Amino acid sequence: MLYYNQTNTQAHPAPCGLSRQGGSTMKFLKVMLAVLTCLAVTLTGVLLFVDKHGPRYIQIDNSED
């Protein structure tokens, strides 16, 4: 893929082999990264705060029947 600089009319290859055709793929990957990041943050928050609502100790019954 070649792109043209507005100040210079010479054609240059696209940097790192990037082309304009991959724009929709990059948008999809960015959206997926955002969604997975939000899920990771949410899961971390849930795991951090769920233990605070649980019992402080486990009672073991030592009575002899």
PDB file of N, CA and C in Angstrom:
ATOM      1  N   MET A   1       0.853  -1.180   0.000  1.00  0.00           N
ATOM      2  CA  MET A   1       0.000   0.000   0.000  1.00  0.00           C
ATOM      3  C   MET A   1       0.883   1.222   0.000  1.00  0.00           C
ATOM      4  N   LEU A   2       0.547   2.187  -0.790  1.00  0.00           N
ATOM      5  CA  LEU A   2       1.280   3.437  -0.862  1.00  0.00           C
ATOM      6  C   LEU A   2       0.396   4.564  -0.359  1.00  0.00           C
ATOM      7  N   TYR A   3       0.996   5.507   0.304  1.00  0.00           N
ATOM      8  CA  TYR A   3       0.249   6.686   0.729  1.00  0.00           C
ATOM      9  C   TYR A   3       1.007   7.918   0.262  1.00  0.00           C
ATOM     10  N   TYR A   4       0.311   9.008   0.100  1.00  0.00           N
ATOM     11  CA  TYR A   4       0.901  10.234  -0.406  1.00  0.00           C
ATOM     12  C   TYR A   4       0.876  11.292   0.679  1.00  0.00           C
ATOM     13  N   ASN A   5       2.014  11.942   0.859  1.00  0.00           N
ATOM     14  CA  ASN A   5       2.120  13.045   1.799  1.00  0.00           C
ATOM     15  C   ASN A   5       1.569  14.292   1.107  1.00  0.00           C
ATOM     16  N   GLN A   6       0.838  15.132   1.818  1.00  0.00           N
ATOM     17  CA  GLN A   6       0.238  16.308   1.196  1.00  0.00           C
ATOM     18  C   GLN A   6       1.293  17.314   0.750  1.00  0.00           C
ATOM     19  N   THR A   7       2.389  17.431   1.467  1.00  0.00           N
ATOM     20  CA  THR A   7       3.424  18.385   1.085  1.00  0.00           C
ATOM     21  C   THR A   7       4.386  17.808   0.055  1.00  0.00           C
ATOM     22  N   ASN A   8       4.476  16.500   0.003  1.00  0.00           N
ATOM     23  CA  ASN A   8       5.381  15.841  -0.923  1.00  0.00           C
ATOM     24  C   ASN A   8       4.569  14.852  -1.761  1.00  0.00           C
ATOM     25  N   THR A   9       4.668  14.920  -3.053  1.00  0.00           N
ATOM     26  CA  THR A   9       3.842  14.073  -3.919  1.00  0.00           C
ATOM     27  C   THR A   9       4.481  12.730  -4.207  1.00  0.00           C
ATOM     28  N   GLN A  10       5.615  12.405  -3.572  1.00  0.00           N
ATOM     29  CA  GLN A  10       6.245  11.104  -3.791  1.00  0.00           C
ATOM     30  C   GLN A  10       5.523  10.047  -2.974  1.00  0.00           C
ATOM     31  N   ALA A  11       5.427   8.853  -3.545  1.00  0.00           N
ATOM     32  CA  ALA A  11       4.766   7.745  -2.862  1.00  0.00           C
ATOM     33  C   ALA A  11       5.740   7.071  -1.908  1.00  0.00           C
ATOM     34  N   HIS A  12       5.249   6.725  -0.729  1.00  0.00           N
ATOM     35  CA  HIS A  12       6.045   6.027   0.272  1.00  0.00           C
ATOM     36  C   HIS A  12       5.274   4.788   0.711  1.00  0.00           C
ATOM     37  N   PRO A  13       5.976   3.696   1.018  1.00  0.00           N
ATOM     38  CA  PRO A  13       5.251   2.519   1.522  1.00  0.00           C
ATOM     39  C   PRO A  13       4.666   2.797   2.902  1.00  0.00           C
ATOM     40  N   ALA A  14       3.572   2.144   3.197  1.00  0.00           N
ATOM     41  CA  ALA A  14       2.933   2.311   4.512  1.00  0.00           C
ATOM     42  C   ALA A  14       3.872   1.776   5.591  1.00  0.00           C
ATOM     43  N   PRO A  15       3.966   2.440   6.749  1.00  0.00           N
ATOM     44  CA  PRO A  15       4.880   1.981   7.802  1.00  0.00           C
ATOM     45  C   PRO A  15       4.438   0.647   8.380  1.00  0.00           C
ATOM     46  N   CYS A  16       5.394  -0.222   8.591  1.00  0.00           N
ATOM     47  CA  CYS A  16       5.183  -1.541   9.214  1.00  0.00           C
ATOM     48  C   CYS A  16       4.186  -2.394   8.445  1.00  0.00           C
ATOM     49  N   GLY A  17       3.991  -2.157   7.197  1.00  0.00           N
ATOM     50  CA  GLY A  17       3.086  -2.980   6.411  1.00  0.00           C
ATOM     51  C   GLY A  17       1.619  -2.752   6.726  1.00  0.00           C
ATOM     52  N   LEU A  18       1.296  -1.663   7.391  1.00  0.00           N
ATOM     53  CA  LEU A  18      -0.099  -1.378   7.718  1.00  0.00           C
ATOM     54  C   LEU A  18      -0.830  -0.874   6.485  1.00  0.00           C
ATOM     55  N   SER A  19      -2.050  -1.239   6.360  1.00  0.00           N
ATOM     56  CA  SER A  19      -2.853  -0.750   5.248  1.00  0.00           C
ATOM     57  C   SER A  19      -4.178  -0.229   5.773  1.00  0.00           C
ATOM     58  N   ARG A  20      -4.864   0.500   4.962  1.00  0.00           N
ATOM     59  CA  ARG A  20      -6.148   1.067   5.384  1.00  0.00           C
ATOM     60  C   ARG A  20      -7.249   0.020   5.399  1.00  0.00           C
ATOM     61  N   GLN A  21      -7.020  -1.128   4.816  1.00  0.00           N
ATOM     62  CA  GLN A  21      -8.041  -2.168   4.783  1.00  0.00           C
ATOM     63  C   GLN A  21      -8.261  -2.789   6.155  1.00  0.00           C
ATOM     64  N   GLY A  22      -7.280  -2.733   7.043  1.00  0.00           N
ATOM     65  CA  GLY A  22      -7.396  -3.345   8.363  1.00  0.00           C
ATOM     66  C   GLY A  22      -8.052  -2.448   9.392  1.00  0.00           C
ATOM     67  N   GLY A  23      -8.655  -1.351   8.986  1.00  0.00           N
ATOM     68  CA  GLY A  23      -9.251  -0.416   9.933  1.00  0.00           C
ATOM     69  C   GLY A  23     -10.376  -1.022  10.736  1.00  0.00           C
ATOM     70  N   SER A  24     -11.244  -1.776  10.088  1.00  0.00           N
ATOM     71  CA  SER A  24     -12.372  -2.380  10.809  1.00  0.00           C
ATOM     72  C   SER A  24     -11.885  -3.466  11.755  1.00  0.00           C
ATOM     73  N   THR A  25     -10.827  -4.178  11.375  1.00  0.00           N
ATOM     74  CA  THR A  25     -10.275  -5.200  12.258  1.00  0.00           C
ATOM     75  C   THR A  25      -9.677  -4.562  13.508  1.00  0.00           C
ATOM     76  N   MET A  26      -8.974  -3.457  13.327  1.00  0.00           N
ATOM     77  CA  MET A  26      -8.383  -2.774  14.476  1.00  0.00           C
ATOM     78  C   MET A  26      -9.461  -2.214  15.399  1.00  0.00           C
ATOM     79  N   LYS A  27     -10.541  -1.710  14.842  1.00  0.00           N
ATOM     80  CA  LYS A  27     -11.643  -1.205  15.667  1.00  0.00           C
ATOM     81  C   LYS A  27     -12.246  -2.340  16.480  1.00  0.00           C
ATOM     82  N   PHE A  28     -12.431  -3.493  15.832  1.00  0.00           N
ATOM     83  CA  PHE A  28     -12.985  -4.654  16.529  1.00  0.00           C
ATOM     84  C   PHE A  28     -12.061  -5.087  17.666  1.00  0.00           C
ATOM     85  N   LEU A  29     -10.757  -5.124  17.396  1.00  0.00           N
ATOM     86  CA  LEU A  29      -9.816  -5.530  18.432  1.00  0.00           C
ATOM     87  C   LEU A  29      -9.784  -4.539  19.591  1.00  0.00           C
ATOM     88  N   LYS A  30      -9.907  -3.262  19.304  1.00  0.00           N
ATOM     89  CA  LYS A  30      -9.946  -2.257  20.370  1.00  0.00           C
ATOM     90  C   LYS A  30     -11.195  -2.404  21.222  1.00  0.00           C
ATOM     91  N   VAL A  31     -12.327  -2.679  20.576  1.00  0.00           N
ATOM     92  CA  VAL A  31     -13.572  -2.881  21.318  1.00  0.00           C
ATOM     93  C   VAL A  31     -13.468  -4.128  22.188  1.00  0.00           C
ATOM     94  N   MET A  32     -12.904  -5.198  21.635  1.00  0.00           N
ATOM     95  CA  MET A  32     -12.751  -6.433  22.412  1.00  0.00           C
ATOM     96  C   MET A  32     -11.811  -6.211  23.599  1.00  0.00           C
ATOM     97  N   LEU A  33     -10.748  -5.459  23.401  1.00  0.00           N
ATOM     98  CA  LEU A  33      -9.834  -5.159  24.494  1.00  0.00           C
ATOM     99  C   LEU A  33     -10.540  -4.362  25.588  1.00  0.00           C
ATOM    100  N   ALA A  34     -11.360  -3.400  25.202  1.00  0.00           N
ATOM    101  CA  ALA A  34     -12.099  -2.605  26.184  1.00  0.00           C
ATOM    102  C   ALA A  34     -13.090  -3.464  26.960  1.00  0.00           C
ATOM    103  N   VAL A  35     -13.800  -4.346  26.267  1.00  0.00           N
ATOM    104  CA  VAL A  35     -14.788  -5.206  26.921  1.00  0.00           C
ATOM    105  C   VAL A  35     -14.105  -6.165  27.886  1.00  0.00           C
ATOM    106  N   LEU A  36     -13.025  -6.789  27.453  1.00  0.00           N
ATOM    107  CA  LEU A  36     -12.332  -7.734  28.327  1.00  0.00           C
ATOM    108  C   LEU A  36     -11.688  -7.031  29.520  1.00  0.00           C
ATOM    109  N   THR A  37     -11.225  -5.814  29.332  1.00  0.00           N
ATOM    110  CA  THR A  37     -10.667  -5.052  30.446  1.00  0.00           C
ATOM    111  C   THR A  37     -11.747  -4.730  31.471  1.00  0.00           C
ATOM    112  N   CYS A  38     -12.920  -4.325  31.000  1.00  0.00           N
ATOM    113  CA  CYS A  38     -14.031  -4.039  31.925  1.00  0.00           C
ATOM    114  C   CYS A  38     -14.453  -5.290  32.684  1.00  0.00           C
ATOM    115  N   LEU A  39     -14.489  -6.420  32.001  1.00  0.00           N
ATOM    116  CA  LEU A  39     -14.841  -7.672  32.676  1.00  0.00           C
ATOM    117  C   LEU A  39     -13.797  -8.041  33.726  1.00  0.00           C
ATOM    118  N   ALA A  40     -12.534  -7.844  33.414  1.00  0.00           N
ATOM    119  CA  ALA A  40     -11.478  -8.165  34.369  1.00  0.00           C
ATOM    120  C   ALA A  40     -11.558  -7.268  35.598  1.00  0.00           C
ATOM    121  N   VAL A  41     -11.820  -5.986  35.403  1.00  0.00           N
ATOM    122  CA  VAL A  41     -11.936  -5.052  36.529  1.00  0.00           C
ATOM    123  C   VAL A  41     -13.150  -5.409  37.381  1.00  0.00           C
ATOM    124  N   THR A  42     -14.253  -5.728  36.751  1.00  0.00           N
ATOM    125  CA  THR A  42     -15.471  -6.099  37.477  1.00  0.00           C
ATOM    126  C   THR A  42     -15.264  -7.374  38.284  1.00  0.00           C
ATOM    127  N   LEU A  43     -14.675  -8.376  37.666  1.00  0.00           N
ATOM    128  CA  LEU A  43     -14.430  -9.641  38.372  1.00  0.00           C
ATOM    129  C   LEU A  43     -13.475  -9.441  39.538  1.00  0.00           C
ATOM    130  N   THR A  44     -12.460  -8.641  39.359  1.00  0.00           N
ATOM    131  CA  THR A  44     -11.524  -8.362  40.444  1.00  0.00           C
ATOM    132  C   THR A  44     -12.233  -7.665  41.602  1.00  0.00           C
ATOM    133  N   GLY A  45     -13.080  -6.690  41.291  1.00  0.00           N
ATOM    134  CA  GLY A  45     -13.833  -6.005  42.336  1.00  0.00           C
ATOM    135  C   GLY A  45     -14.760  -6.929  43.091  1.00  0.00           C
ATOM    136  N   VAL A  46     -15.426  -7.805  42.371  1.00  0.00           N
ATOM    137  CA  VAL A  46     -16.336  -8.760  43.016  1.00  0.00           C
ATOM    138  C   VAL A  46     -15.562  -9.694  43.926  1.00  0.00           C
ATOM    139  N   LEU A  47     -14.440 -10.202  43.448  1.00  0.00           N
ATOM    140  CA  LEU A  47     -13.663 -11.135  44.268  1.00  0.00           C
ATOM    141  C   LEU A  47     -13.051 -10.449  45.487  1.00  0.00           C
ATOM    142  N   LEU A  48     -12.743  -9.178  45.386  1.00  0.00           N
ATOM    143  CA  LEU A  48     -12.176  -8.472  46.531  1.00  0.00           C
ATOM    144  C   LEU A  48     -13.207  -8.200  47.612  1.00  0.00           C
ATOM    145  N   PHE A  49     -14.436  -7.912  47.233  1.00  0.00           N
ATOM    146  CA  PHE A  49     -15.437  -7.494  48.205  1.00  0.00           C
ATOM    147  C   PHE A  49     -16.406  -8.590  48.624  1.00  0.00           C
ATOM    148  N   VAL A  50     -16.399  -9.731  47.976  1.00  0.00           N
ATOM    149  CA  VAL A  50     -17.358 -10.771  48.327  1.00  0.00           C
ATOM    150  C   VAL A  50     -16.994 -11.421  49.671  1.00  0.00           C
ATOM    151  N   ASP A  51     -15.738 -11.490  50.029  1.00  0.00           N
ATOM    152  CA  ASP A  51     -15.339 -12.108  51.290  1.00  0.00           C
ATOM    153  C   ASP A  51     -15.712 -11.262  52.490  1.00  0.00           C
ATOM    154  N   LYS A  52     -15.910  -9.979  52.333  1.00  0.00           N
ATOM    155  CA  LYS A  52     -16.238  -9.108  53.462  1.00  0.00           C
ATOM    156  C   LYS A  52     -17.665  -9.340  53.959  1.00  0.00           C
ATOM    157  N   HIS A  53     -18.491  -9.945  53.156  1.00  0.00           N
ATOM    158  CA  HIS A  53     -19.872 -10.198  53.556  1.00  0.00           C
ATOM    159  C   HIS A  53     -20.059 -11.629  54.058  1.00  0.00           C
ATOM    160  N   GLY A  54     -19.029 -12.433  54.019  1.00  0.00           N
ATOM    161  CA  GLY A  54     -19.111 -13.824  54.458  1.00  0.00           C
ATOM    162  C   GLY A  54     -18.884 -13.949  55.950  1.00  0.00           C
ATOM    163  N   PRO A  55     -18.986 -15.155  56.474  1.00  0.00           N
ATOM    164  CA  PRO A  55     -18.745 -15.365  57.907  1.00  0.00           C
ATOM    165  C   PRO A  55     -17.277 -15.121  58.248  1.00  0.00           C
ATOM    166  N   ARG A  56     -17.053 -14.635  59.476  1.00  0.00           N
ATOM    167  CA  ARG A  56     -15.686 -14.341  59.909  1.00  0.00           C
ATOM    168  C   ARG A  56     -14.935 -15.608  60.314  1.00  0.00           C
ATOM    169  N   TYR A  57     -15.658 -16.635  60.706  1.00  0.00           N
ATOM    170  CA  TYR A  57     -15.018 -17.878  61.113  1.00  0.00           C
ATOM    171  C   TYR A  57     -15.959 -19.038  60.794  1.00  0.00           C
ATOM    172  N   ILE A  58     -15.408 -20.198  60.785  1.00  0.00           N
ATOM    173  CA  ILE A  58     -16.208 -21.409  60.568  1.00  0.00           C
ATOM    174  C   ILE A  58     -16.312 -22.112  61.915  1.00  0.00           C
ATOM    175  N   GLN A  59     -17.531 -22.320  62.354  1.00  0.00           N
ATOM    176  CA  GLN A  59     -17.748 -22.962  63.644  1.00  0.00           C
ATOM    177  C   GLN A  59     -17.719 -24.472  63.451  1.00  0.00           C
ATOM    178  N   ILE A  60     -16.869 -25.122  64.209  1.00  0.00           N
ATOM    179  CA  ILE A  60     -16.762 -26.584  64.148  1.00  0.00           C
ATOM    180  C   ILE A  60     -17.426 -27.142  65.398  1.00  0.00           C
ATOM    181  N   ASP A  61     -18.313 -28.088  65.184  1.00  0.00           N
ATOM    182  CA  ASP A  61     -19.054 -28.700  66.291  1.00  0.00           C
ATOM    183  C   ASP A  61     -18.196 -29.754  66.952  1.00  0.00           C
ATOM    184  N   ASN A  62     -17.751 -29.486  68.182  1.00  0.00           N
ATOM    185  CA  ASN A  62     -16.918 -30.425  68.923  1.00  0.00           C
ATOM    186  C   ASN A  62     -17.697 -31.146  70.015  1.00  0.00           C
ATOM    187  N   SER A  63     -19.011 -31.023  69.982  1.00  0.00           N
ATOM    188  CA  SER A  63     -19.797 -31.657  71.059  1.00  0.00           C
ATOM    189  C   SER A  63     -19.808 -33.171  70.862  1.00  0.00           C
ATOM    190  N   GLU A  64     -19.772 -33.875  71.977  1.00  0.00           N
ATOM    191  CA  GLU A  64     -19.821 -35.331  71.916  1.00  0.00           C
ATOM    192  C   GLU A  64     -21.260 -35.788  72.058  1.00  0.00           C
ATOM    193  N   ASP A  65     -21.718 -36.556  71.118  1.00  0.00           N
ATOM    194  CA  ASP A  65     -23.107 -37.035  71.164  1.00  0.00           C
ATOM    195  C   ASP A  65     -23.208 -38.386  71.799  1.00  0.00           C
TER     196      ASP A  65
END
